[in-house]
Amino acid sequence: MVLMKNNPLGNDRPPATSGKKAHCITAKKHRRERMFETGDIRVLMLHFLQQRAAHGYELIKAIEELAKGEYTPSASIIYPNLTFLEEQGLVTAKQEEAGKKQYSITPEGTQSLAEQGDLLGSVTEKLHSLAILSNNRSIPEMQRAINNMRMALNLRLAKGPIEQETLYKITDALDRATKEIERS
């Protein structure tokens, strides 16, 4: 077994030498697209805190509920932003007995939220769209069709190298299906 000192997978694994393995390593490096910008999350947090005081965990759950489970911000997104909002004087934190902090919006936070009404509207619309996506994606016929497409594509890709002509046929079929779906 050949070991590589700066192997991104660790020193105990062989380097990727075949095209297939190299592709797998490259594919894993792609990061998921960021769902919201920092300001989007902050205005959303102010929105929920305007309704009632809350702990960070409650804000996570409120956002998740609004998106019907399609988006859940991590604690590493929520808590640093709560600290930032507190430092800016837009929220206050009250330490409770169990060591948790309960956050409340300040008058400055309420004013900031009012000034960002358009942003709040677009962020909540995006979350509502995710909720609609979740509902429509759970329709059994839709699940079956998506799974069939995924299975057919994966089976074909697993057969081995793809000739250029076959590649064009597959991508053309996918592009045609995409256009039909977009126009429906």
N, C-alpha and C. Protein backbone atom coordinates (compact mmCIF):
# COMPACT_ATOMS: atom_id res chain seq x y z
N MET A 1 0.85 -1.18 0.00
CA MET A 1 0.00 0.00 0.00
C MET A 1 0.89 1.24 0.00
N VAL A 2 0.59 2.18 -0.87
CA VAL A 2 1.35 3.42 -0.96
C VAL A 2 0.69 4.43 -0.04
N LEU A 3 1.47 5.05 0.82
CA LEU A 3 0.94 6.08 1.70
C LEU A 3 1.42 7.44 1.23
N MET A 4 0.61 8.42 1.49
CA MET A 4 0.94 9.77 1.06
C MET A 4 0.88 10.69 2.27
N LYS A 5 1.95 11.45 2.50
CA LYS A 5 2.01 12.28 3.70
C LYS A 5 0.89 13.30 3.78
N ASN A 6 0.59 13.98 2.71
CA ASN A 6 -0.41 15.05 2.75
C ASN A 6 -1.74 14.61 2.14
N ASN A 7 -2.04 13.34 2.27
CA ASN A 7 -3.30 12.81 1.77
C ASN A 7 -4.45 13.46 2.53
N PRO A 8 -5.42 14.11 1.84
CA PRO A 8 -6.51 14.78 2.55
C PRO A 8 -7.41 13.84 3.33
N LEU A 9 -7.34 12.55 3.04
CA LEU A 9 -8.17 11.59 3.76
C LEU A 9 -7.46 11.01 4.97
N GLY A 10 -6.21 11.33 5.15
CA GLY A 10 -5.45 10.80 6.28
C GLY A 10 -4.26 10.00 5.80
N ASN A 11 -3.23 9.91 6.62
CA ASN A 11 -2.00 9.24 6.23
C ASN A 11 -2.14 7.74 6.11
N ASP A 12 -3.19 7.16 6.64
CA ASP A 12 -3.34 5.71 6.61
C ASP A 12 -4.08 5.21 5.38
N ARG A 13 -4.40 6.09 4.46
CA ARG A 13 -5.14 5.67 3.27
C ARG A 13 -4.28 5.88 2.03
N PRO A 14 -4.46 5.03 1.04
CA PRO A 14 -3.69 5.21 -0.19
C PRO A 14 -4.21 6.41 -0.97
N PRO A 15 -3.35 7.00 -1.78
CA PRO A 15 -3.82 8.12 -2.60
C PRO A 15 -4.76 7.60 -3.68
N ALA A 16 -5.64 8.46 -4.14
CA ALA A 16 -6.56 8.07 -5.20
C ALA A 16 -5.80 8.08 -6.51
N THR A 17 -5.73 6.93 -7.15
CA THR A 17 -4.98 6.85 -8.40
C THR A 17 -5.88 6.65 -9.60
N SER A 18 -7.03 6.04 -9.41
CA SER A 18 -7.92 5.84 -10.55
C SER A 18 -8.81 7.05 -10.70
N GLY A 19 -9.31 7.26 -11.91
CA GLY A 19 -10.19 8.39 -12.15
C GLY A 19 -11.43 8.35 -11.29
N LYS A 20 -11.95 7.14 -11.06
CA LYS A 20 -13.18 7.00 -10.27
C LYS A 20 -12.95 7.45 -8.84
N LYS A 21 -11.88 6.99 -8.20
CA LYS A 21 -11.61 7.39 -6.82
C LYS A 21 -11.31 8.87 -6.73
N ALA A 22 -10.57 9.38 -7.70
CA ALA A 22 -10.25 10.81 -7.68
C ALA A 22 -11.53 11.63 -7.75
N HIS A 23 -12.49 11.16 -8.56
CA HIS A 23 -13.76 11.87 -8.67
C HIS A 23 -14.50 11.85 -7.34
N CYS A 24 -14.49 10.70 -6.67
CA CYS A 24 -15.19 10.59 -5.38
C CYS A 24 -14.60 11.55 -4.37
N ILE A 25 -13.28 11.63 -4.33
CA ILE A 25 -12.64 12.55 -3.39
C ILE A 25 -13.02 13.98 -3.73
N THR A 26 -12.98 14.32 -5.01
CA THR A 26 -13.33 15.67 -5.43
C THR A 26 -14.79 15.97 -5.10
N ALA A 27 -15.67 15.02 -5.33
CA ALA A 27 -17.09 15.23 -5.08
C ALA A 27 -17.35 15.53 -3.61
N LYS A 28 -16.60 14.91 -2.72
CA LYS A 28 -16.82 15.13 -1.29
C LYS A 28 -16.35 16.51 -0.84
N LYS A 29 -15.51 17.15 -1.65
CA LYS A 29 -15.00 18.47 -1.27
C LYS A 29 -16.02 19.57 -1.52
N HIS A 30 -17.02 19.30 -2.36
CA HIS A 30 -18.03 20.33 -2.64
C HIS A 30 -18.85 20.59 -1.39
N ARG A 31 -19.00 21.85 -1.05
CA ARG A 31 -19.79 22.23 0.12
C ARG A 31 -21.20 22.55 -0.31
N ARG A 32 -22.12 22.33 0.62
CA ARG A 32 -23.50 22.70 0.35
C ARG A 32 -23.59 24.21 0.25
N GLU A 33 -24.41 24.67 -0.65
CA GLU A 33 -24.60 26.10 -0.82
C GLU A 33 -25.22 26.67 0.45
N ARG A 34 -24.76 27.84 0.84
CA ARG A 34 -25.29 28.49 2.04
C ARG A 34 -26.74 28.90 1.78
N MET A 35 -27.60 28.51 2.70
CA MET A 35 -29.03 28.77 2.53
C MET A 35 -29.36 30.25 2.73
N PHE A 36 -28.76 30.85 3.76
CA PHE A 36 -29.05 32.24 4.09
C PHE A 36 -27.76 33.00 4.37
N GLU A 37 -27.78 34.27 4.12
CA GLU A 37 -26.66 35.14 4.49
C GLU A 37 -26.79 35.46 5.97
N THR A 38 -25.70 35.95 6.55
CA THR A 38 -25.68 36.26 7.98
C THR A 38 -26.79 37.24 8.35
N GLY A 39 -26.96 38.29 7.57
CA GLY A 39 -28.00 39.28 7.85
C GLY A 39 -29.40 38.69 7.81
N ASP A 40 -29.60 37.70 6.94
CA ASP A 40 -30.90 37.04 6.84
C ASP A 40 -31.25 36.34 8.15
N ILE A 41 -30.30 35.62 8.69
CA ILE A 41 -30.51 34.89 9.94
C ILE A 41 -30.77 35.88 11.07
N ARG A 42 -30.01 36.95 11.11
CA ARG A 42 -30.17 37.93 12.19
C ARG A 42 -31.55 38.58 12.17
N VAL A 43 -32.03 38.95 10.99
CA VAL A 43 -33.35 39.58 10.93
C VAL A 43 -34.43 38.57 11.30
N LEU A 44 -34.24 37.32 10.94
CA LEU A 44 -35.18 36.27 11.31
C LEU A 44 -35.21 36.07 12.82
N MET A 45 -34.03 36.09 13.44
CA MET A 45 -33.94 35.94 14.89
C MET A 45 -34.63 37.12 15.59
N LEU A 46 -34.41 38.33 15.10
CA LEU A 46 -35.08 39.50 15.68
C LEU A 46 -36.59 39.37 15.54
N HIS A 47 -37.03 38.87 14.40
CA HIS A 47 -38.46 38.67 14.16
C HIS A 47 -39.08 37.75 15.22
N PHE A 48 -38.43 36.62 15.48
CA PHE A 48 -38.96 35.69 16.48
C PHE A 48 -38.86 36.26 17.89
N LEU A 49 -37.79 36.99 18.16
CA LEU A 49 -37.63 37.59 19.49
C LEU A 49 -38.62 38.73 19.71
N GLN A 50 -39.09 39.35 18.65
CA GLN A 50 -40.12 40.38 18.80
C GLN A 50 -41.43 39.75 19.26
N GLN A 51 -41.66 38.51 18.86
CA GLN A 51 -42.88 37.81 19.26
C GLN A 51 -42.84 37.39 20.72
N ARG A 52 -41.65 36.91 21.16
CA ARG A 52 -41.48 36.53 22.57
C ARG A 52 -40.01 36.25 22.84
N ALA A 53 -39.62 36.37 24.10
CA ALA A 53 -38.25 36.04 24.50
C ALA A 53 -38.02 34.55 24.28
N ALA A 54 -36.77 34.19 23.98
CA ALA A 54 -36.49 32.79 23.67
C ALA A 54 -35.03 32.44 23.93
N HIS A 55 -34.79 31.14 24.09
CA HIS A 55 -33.43 30.61 24.16
C HIS A 55 -32.97 30.36 22.72
N GLY A 56 -31.68 30.19 22.54
CA GLY A 56 -31.15 29.90 21.21
C GLY A 56 -31.78 28.66 20.59
N TYR A 57 -31.94 27.62 21.40
CA TYR A 57 -32.53 26.38 20.91
C TYR A 57 -33.95 26.61 20.40
N GLU A 58 -34.70 27.46 21.10
CA GLU A 58 -36.08 27.75 20.68
C GLU A 58 -36.09 28.49 19.34
N LEU A 59 -35.09 29.33 19.11
CA LEU A 59 -34.99 30.02 17.81
C LEU A 59 -34.69 29.01 16.69
N ILE A 60 -33.81 28.07 16.98
CA ILE A 60 -33.50 27.02 16.00
C ILE A 60 -34.78 26.28 15.63
N LYS A 61 -35.55 25.90 16.64
CA LYS A 61 -36.79 25.14 16.41
C LYS A 61 -37.84 25.99 15.69
N ALA A 62 -37.93 27.27 16.00
CA ALA A 62 -38.91 28.14 15.35
C ALA A 62 -38.60 28.27 13.85
N ILE A 63 -37.32 28.43 13.53
CA ILE A 63 -36.93 28.53 12.12
C ILE A 63 -37.18 27.21 11.40
N GLU A 64 -36.83 26.11 12.05
CA GLU A 64 -37.05 24.79 11.47
C GLU A 64 -38.55 24.56 11.22
N GLU A 65 -39.38 24.96 12.15
CA GLU A 65 -40.83 24.78 12.00
C GLU A 65 -41.38 25.61 10.85
N LEU A 66 -40.89 26.84 10.70
CA LEU A 66 -41.34 27.70 9.61
C LEU A 66 -41.00 27.08 8.26
N ALA A 67 -39.87 26.38 8.18
CA ALA A 67 -39.44 25.73 6.94
C ALA A 67 -39.93 24.29 6.83
N LYS A 68 -40.80 23.86 7.75
CA LYS A 68 -41.34 22.50 7.77
C LYS A 68 -40.24 21.44 7.72
N GLY A 69 -39.15 21.70 8.44
CA GLY A 69 -38.07 20.74 8.54
C GLY A 69 -37.09 20.73 7.39
N GLU A 70 -37.30 21.57 6.37
CA GLU A 70 -36.40 21.60 5.22
C GLU A 70 -35.12 22.38 5.50
N TYR A 71 -35.11 23.20 6.52
CA TYR A 71 -33.91 23.94 6.91
C TYR A 71 -33.89 24.05 8.42
N THR A 72 -32.75 23.71 9.00
CA THR A 72 -32.55 23.84 10.44
C THR A 72 -31.20 24.50 10.64
N PRO A 73 -31.18 25.73 11.15
CA PRO A 73 -29.87 26.36 11.38
C PRO A 73 -29.14 25.65 12.52
N SER A 74 -27.85 25.57 12.39
CA SER A 74 -27.06 24.90 13.44
C SER A 74 -26.82 25.85 14.60
N ALA A 75 -26.45 25.28 15.73
CA ALA A 75 -26.10 26.09 16.90
C ALA A 75 -24.93 27.00 16.58
N SER A 76 -24.03 26.55 15.70
CA SER A 76 -22.87 27.38 15.34
C SER A 76 -23.26 28.57 14.47
N ILE A 77 -24.48 28.59 13.99
CA ILE A 77 -25.01 29.75 13.27
C ILE A 77 -25.74 30.66 14.26
N ILE A 78 -26.58 30.08 15.09
CA ILE A 78 -27.46 30.86 15.97
C ILE A 78 -26.70 31.57 17.09
N TYR A 79 -25.91 30.83 17.85
CA TYR A 79 -25.31 31.42 19.06
C TYR A 79 -24.31 32.56 18.77
N PRO A 80 -23.42 32.44 17.79
CA PRO A 80 -22.56 33.60 17.50
C PRO A 80 -23.36 34.82 17.04
N ASN A 81 -24.46 34.58 16.31
CA ASN A 81 -25.29 35.70 15.88
C ASN A 81 -26.04 36.32 17.05
N LEU A 82 -26.45 35.51 18.01
CA LEU A 82 -27.07 36.07 19.22
C LEU A 82 -26.07 36.93 19.98
N THR A 83 -24.84 36.46 20.07
CA THR A 83 -23.79 37.25 20.74
C THR A 83 -23.58 38.56 20.00
N PHE A 84 -23.53 38.51 18.67
CA PHE A 84 -23.36 39.73 17.87
C PHE A 84 -24.52 40.69 18.10
N LEU A 85 -25.75 40.18 18.06
CA LEU A 85 -26.92 41.04 18.27
C LEU A 85 -26.90 41.65 19.66
N GLU A 86 -26.43 40.89 20.63
CA GLU A 86 -26.32 41.41 22.00
C GLU A 86 -25.26 42.51 22.07
N GLU A 87 -24.12 42.30 21.44
CA GLU A 87 -23.05 43.31 21.42
C GLU A 87 -23.50 44.58 20.72
N GLN A 88 -24.38 44.46 19.74
CA GLN A 88 -24.89 45.62 19.01
C GLN A 88 -26.04 46.32 19.74
N GLY A 89 -26.47 45.75 20.86
CA GLY A 89 -27.55 46.33 21.64
C GLY A 89 -28.93 46.06 21.07
N LEU A 90 -29.04 45.08 20.18
CA LEU A 90 -30.33 44.77 19.56
C LEU A 90 -31.12 43.73 20.34
N VAL A 91 -30.42 42.96 21.18
CA VAL A 91 -31.06 42.00 22.08
C VAL A 91 -30.35 42.06 23.43
N THR A 92 -31.05 41.60 24.44
CA THR A 92 -30.43 41.43 25.76
C THR A 92 -30.54 39.97 26.15
N ALA A 93 -29.61 39.54 26.98
CA ALA A 93 -29.61 38.15 27.44
C ALA A 93 -29.77 38.14 28.94
N LYS A 94 -30.67 37.30 29.42
CA LYS A 94 -30.89 37.13 30.85
C LYS A 94 -30.46 35.72 31.22
N GLN A 95 -29.48 35.63 32.13
CA GLN A 95 -28.98 34.33 32.57
C GLN A 95 -30.01 33.68 33.48
N GLU A 96 -30.35 32.43 33.19
CA GLU A 96 -31.30 31.70 34.02
C GLU A 96 -30.56 30.72 34.92
N GLU A 97 -31.28 30.12 35.85
CA GLU A 97 -30.68 29.21 36.83
C GLU A 97 -29.94 28.05 36.19
N ALA A 98 -30.50 27.47 35.16
CA ALA A 98 -29.91 26.28 34.53
C ALA A 98 -28.70 26.62 33.66
N GLY A 99 -28.28 27.88 33.66
CA GLY A 99 -27.13 28.29 32.85
C GLY A 99 -27.51 28.72 31.45
N LYS A 100 -28.78 28.58 31.10
CA LYS A 100 -29.23 29.00 29.78
C LYS A 100 -29.44 30.51 29.77
N LYS A 101 -29.34 31.08 28.58
CA LYS A 101 -29.64 32.50 28.41
C LYS A 101 -30.96 32.63 27.66
N GLN A 102 -31.79 33.54 28.16
CA GLN A 102 -33.03 33.85 27.46
C GLN A 102 -32.84 35.22 26.83
N TYR A 103 -33.09 35.30 25.54
CA TYR A 103 -32.85 36.53 24.79
C TYR A 103 -34.16 37.27 24.55
N SER A 104 -34.07 38.61 24.65
CA SER A 104 -35.22 39.48 24.39
C SER A 104 -34.77 40.59 23.45
N ILE A 105 -35.69 41.06 22.64
CA ILE A 105 -35.37 42.15 21.73
C ILE A 105 -35.41 43.47 22.48
N THR A 106 -34.54 44.40 22.12
CA THR A 106 -34.51 45.73 22.73
C THR A 106 -35.28 46.69 21.82
N PRO A 107 -35.55 47.90 22.30
CA PRO A 107 -36.19 48.89 21.41
C PRO A 107 -35.35 49.15 20.15
N GLU A 108 -34.02 49.15 20.31
CA GLU A 108 -33.15 49.32 19.14
C GLU A 108 -33.30 48.15 18.17
N GLY A 109 -33.46 46.94 18.72
CA GLY A 109 -33.67 45.76 17.88
C GLY A 109 -34.99 45.84 17.14
N THR A 110 -36.02 46.35 17.82
CA THR A 110 -37.33 46.51 17.18
C THR A 110 -37.24 47.52 16.04
N GLN A 111 -36.50 48.61 16.27
CA GLN A 111 -36.33 49.62 15.23
C GLN A 111 -35.54 49.04 14.05
N SER A 112 -34.49 48.30 14.34
CA SER A 112 -33.69 47.67 13.29
C SER A 112 -34.53 46.71 12.46
N LEU A 113 -35.37 45.95 13.14
CA LEU A 113 -36.26 45.00 12.45
C LEU A 113 -37.23 45.75 11.54
N ALA A 114 -37.78 46.86 12.02
CA ALA A 114 -38.72 47.65 11.22
C ALA A 114 -38.04 48.19 9.96
N GLU A 115 -36.77 48.56 10.09
CA GLU A 115 -36.02 49.09 8.94
C GLU A 115 -35.68 48.00 7.92
N GLN A 116 -35.76 46.75 8.34
CA GLN A 116 -35.40 45.64 7.46
C GLN A 116 -36.61 44.81 7.05
N GLY A 117 -37.75 45.46 6.97
CA GLY A 117 -38.99 44.75 6.64
C GLY A 117 -38.94 44.01 5.32
N ASP A 118 -38.33 44.62 4.29
CA ASP A 118 -38.23 43.96 2.98
C ASP A 118 -37.39 42.69 3.07
N LEU A 119 -36.27 42.79 3.80
CA LEU A 119 -35.40 41.63 3.96
C LEU A 119 -36.14 40.52 4.71
N LEU A 120 -36.84 40.88 5.77
CA LEU A 120 -37.60 39.89 6.53
C LEU A 120 -38.63 39.21 5.63
N GLY A 121 -39.30 40.00 4.80
CA GLY A 121 -40.29 39.43 3.88
C GLY A 121 -39.67 38.42 2.92
N SER A 122 -38.51 38.74 2.37
CA SER A 122 -37.88 37.81 1.43
C SER A 122 -37.36 36.56 2.13
N VAL A 123 -36.87 36.70 3.36
CA VAL A 123 -36.37 35.54 4.10
C VAL A 123 -37.52 34.62 4.49
N THR A 124 -38.61 35.18 4.99
CA THR A 124 -39.75 34.33 5.37
C THR A 124 -40.38 33.69 4.13
N GLU A 125 -40.38 34.40 3.01
CA GLU A 125 -40.89 33.83 1.77
C GLU A 125 -40.04 32.63 1.34
N LYS A 126 -38.74 32.76 1.50
CA LYS A 126 -37.84 31.65 1.16
C LYS A 126 -38.12 30.43 2.05
N LEU A 127 -38.36 30.67 3.34
CA LEU A 127 -38.68 29.57 4.25
C LEU A 127 -40.03 28.94 3.91
N HIS A 128 -41.00 29.76 3.55
CA HIS A 128 -42.31 29.23 3.15
C HIS A 128 -42.18 28.40 1.87
N SER A 129 -41.33 28.84 0.95
CA SER A 129 -41.09 28.07 -0.28
C SER A 129 -40.49 26.71 0.05
N LEU A 130 -39.60 26.67 1.03
CA LEU A 130 -39.02 25.39 1.45
C LEU A 130 -40.10 24.48 2.02
N ALA A 131 -41.04 25.07 2.76
CA ALA A 131 -42.14 24.28 3.33
C ALA A 131 -43.02 23.70 2.22
N ILE A 132 -43.30 24.50 1.20
CA ILE A 132 -44.09 24.02 0.06
C ILE A 132 -43.33 22.91 -0.66
N LEU A 133 -42.02 23.10 -0.83
CA LEU A 133 -41.18 22.08 -1.45
C LEU A 133 -41.30 20.76 -0.69
N SER A 134 -41.24 20.85 0.62
CA SER A 134 -41.33 19.65 1.46
C SER A 134 -42.66 18.94 1.25
N ASN A 135 -43.74 19.70 1.21
CA ASN A 135 -45.07 19.10 1.02
C ASN A 135 -45.19 18.44 -0.35
N ASN A 136 -44.74 19.14 -1.39
CA ASN A 136 -44.87 18.61 -2.75
C ASN A 136 -43.93 17.44 -3.00
N ARG A 137 -42.76 17.49 -2.41
CA ARG A 137 -41.79 16.42 -2.61
C ARG A 137 -42.24 15.13 -1.92
N SER A 138 -43.12 15.25 -0.93
CA SER A 138 -43.57 14.05 -0.20
C SER A 138 -44.76 13.36 -0.86
N ILE A 139 -45.25 13.88 -1.98
CA ILE A 139 -46.32 13.22 -2.72
C ILE A 139 -45.76 11.90 -3.26
N PRO A 140 -46.43 10.77 -2.98
CA PRO A 140 -45.89 9.46 -3.38
C PRO A 140 -45.50 9.35 -4.85
N GLU A 141 -46.33 9.87 -5.74
CA GLU A 141 -46.01 9.79 -7.17
C GLU A 141 -44.73 10.56 -7.50
N MET A 142 -44.54 11.68 -6.82
CA MET A 142 -43.33 12.49 -7.04
C MET A 142 -42.11 11.74 -6.52
N GLN A 143 -42.22 11.15 -5.34
CA GLN A 143 -41.11 10.38 -4.77
C GLN A 143 -40.73 9.23 -5.69
N ARG A 144 -41.72 8.52 -6.22
CA ARG A 144 -41.46 7.40 -7.11
C ARG A 144 -40.72 7.86 -8.36
N ALA A 145 -41.18 8.95 -8.97
CA ALA A 145 -40.56 9.44 -10.20
C ALA A 145 -39.12 9.90 -9.95
N ILE A 146 -38.90 10.62 -8.86
CA ILE A 146 -37.55 11.08 -8.53
C ILE A 146 -36.63 9.89 -8.28
N ASN A 147 -37.11 8.92 -7.53
CA ASN A 147 -36.29 7.74 -7.24
C ASN A 147 -35.99 6.93 -8.50
N ASN A 148 -36.98 6.81 -9.40
CA ASN A 148 -36.75 6.10 -10.66
C ASN A 148 -35.67 6.79 -11.49
N MET A 149 -35.74 8.11 -11.58
CA MET A 149 -34.74 8.87 -12.35
C MET A 149 -33.36 8.69 -11.73
N ARG A 150 -33.28 8.83 -10.43
CA ARG A 150 -32.01 8.69 -9.72
C ARG A 150 -31.43 7.29 -9.94
N MET A 151 -32.27 6.27 -9.82
CA MET A 151 -31.82 4.88 -9.98
C MET A 151 -31.31 4.64 -11.41
N ALA A 152 -32.08 5.07 -12.40
CA ALA A 152 -31.68 4.87 -13.80
C ALA A 152 -30.36 5.56 -14.09
N LEU A 153 -30.20 6.77 -13.62
CA LEU A 153 -28.97 7.52 -13.85
C LEU A 153 -27.79 6.85 -13.16
N ASN A 154 -27.97 6.46 -11.91
CA ASN A 154 -26.88 5.81 -11.17
C ASN A 154 -26.50 4.47 -11.79
N LEU A 155 -27.49 3.68 -12.23
CA LEU A 155 -27.18 2.40 -12.87
C LEU A 155 -26.36 2.61 -14.14
N ARG A 156 -26.75 3.61 -14.93
CA ARG A 156 -26.01 3.87 -16.17
C ARG A 156 -24.60 4.38 -15.88
N LEU A 157 -24.46 5.26 -14.91
CA LEU A 157 -23.14 5.81 -14.59
C LEU A 157 -22.22 4.75 -14.00
N ALA A 158 -22.79 3.74 -13.36
CA ALA A 158 -21.98 2.69 -12.74
C ALA A 158 -21.50 1.64 -13.75
N LYS A 159 -22.03 1.66 -14.97
CA LYS A 159 -21.65 0.66 -15.97
C LYS A 159 -20.21 0.79 -16.43
N GLY A 160 -19.67 1.96 -16.34
CA GLY A 160 -18.30 2.16 -16.81
C GLY A 160 -18.19 3.45 -17.59
N PRO A 161 -17.07 3.62 -18.28
CA PRO A 161 -16.86 4.87 -19.03
C PRO A 161 -18.01 5.12 -20.01
N ILE A 162 -18.33 6.37 -20.19
CA ILE A 162 -19.43 6.77 -21.06
C ILE A 162 -18.85 7.38 -22.33
N GLU A 163 -19.28 6.85 -23.46
CA GLU A 163 -18.88 7.41 -24.75
C GLU A 163 -19.47 8.81 -24.87
N GLN A 164 -18.82 9.66 -25.64
CA GLN A 164 -19.26 11.04 -25.82
C GLN A 164 -20.69 11.11 -26.35
N GLU A 165 -21.03 10.27 -27.32
CA GLU A 165 -22.38 10.28 -27.90
C GLU A 165 -23.43 9.91 -26.85
N THR A 166 -23.12 8.92 -26.03
CA THR A 166 -24.04 8.50 -24.96
C THR A 166 -24.19 9.61 -23.93
N LEU A 167 -23.09 10.25 -23.62
CA LEU A 167 -23.13 11.38 -22.67
C LEU A 167 -24.07 12.46 -23.18
N TYR A 168 -23.97 12.78 -24.48
CA TYR A 168 -24.85 13.79 -25.06
C TYR A 168 -26.32 13.37 -24.98
N LYS A 169 -26.59 12.09 -25.24
CA LYS A 169 -27.97 11.59 -25.17
C LYS A 169 -28.53 11.73 -23.76
N ILE A 170 -27.73 11.35 -22.77
CA ILE A 170 -28.19 11.43 -21.37
C ILE A 170 -28.42 12.87 -20.96
N THR A 171 -27.45 13.74 -21.23
CA THR A 171 -27.60 15.15 -20.81
C THR A 171 -28.72 15.83 -21.57
N ASP A 172 -28.91 15.50 -22.85
CA ASP A 172 -30.03 16.07 -23.61
C ASP A 172 -31.37 15.63 -23.01
N ALA A 173 -31.48 14.35 -22.64
CA ALA A 173 -32.72 13.85 -22.04
C ALA A 173 -33.00 14.55 -20.71
N LEU A 174 -31.95 14.72 -19.91
CA LEU A 174 -32.13 15.41 -18.62
C LEU A 174 -32.50 16.87 -18.84
N ASP A 175 -31.87 17.53 -19.82
CA ASP A 175 -32.18 18.93 -20.11
C ASP A 175 -33.62 19.09 -20.61
N ARG A 176 -34.07 18.16 -21.48
CA ARG A 176 -35.46 18.21 -21.97
C ARG A 176 -36.45 18.04 -20.82
N ALA A 177 -36.18 17.08 -19.95
CA ALA A 177 -37.06 16.85 -18.80
C ALA A 177 -37.09 18.08 -17.90
N THR A 178 -35.93 18.68 -17.71
CA THR A 178 -35.84 19.88 -16.87
C THR A 178 -36.68 21.01 -17.45
N LYS A 179 -36.57 21.23 -18.76
CA LYS A 179 -37.35 22.30 -19.41
C LYS A 179 -38.85 22.05 -19.29
N GLU A 180 -39.26 20.80 -19.48
CA GLU A 180 -40.69 20.47 -19.37
C GLU A 180 -41.20 20.74 -17.96
N ILE A 181 -40.40 20.37 -16.97
CA ILE A 181 -40.80 20.59 -15.57
C ILE A 181 -40.88 22.08 -15.28
N GLU A 182 -39.89 22.85 -15.75
CA GLU A 182 -39.90 24.30 -15.52
C GLU A 182 -41.10 24.97 -16.15
N ARG A 183 -41.53 24.49 -17.30
CA ARG A 183 -42.64 25.11 -18.03
C ARG A 183 -44.01 24.63 -17.56
N SER A 184 -44.04 23.61 -16.71
CA SER A 184 -45.34 23.06 -16.28
C SER A 184 -46.03 23.95 -15.28
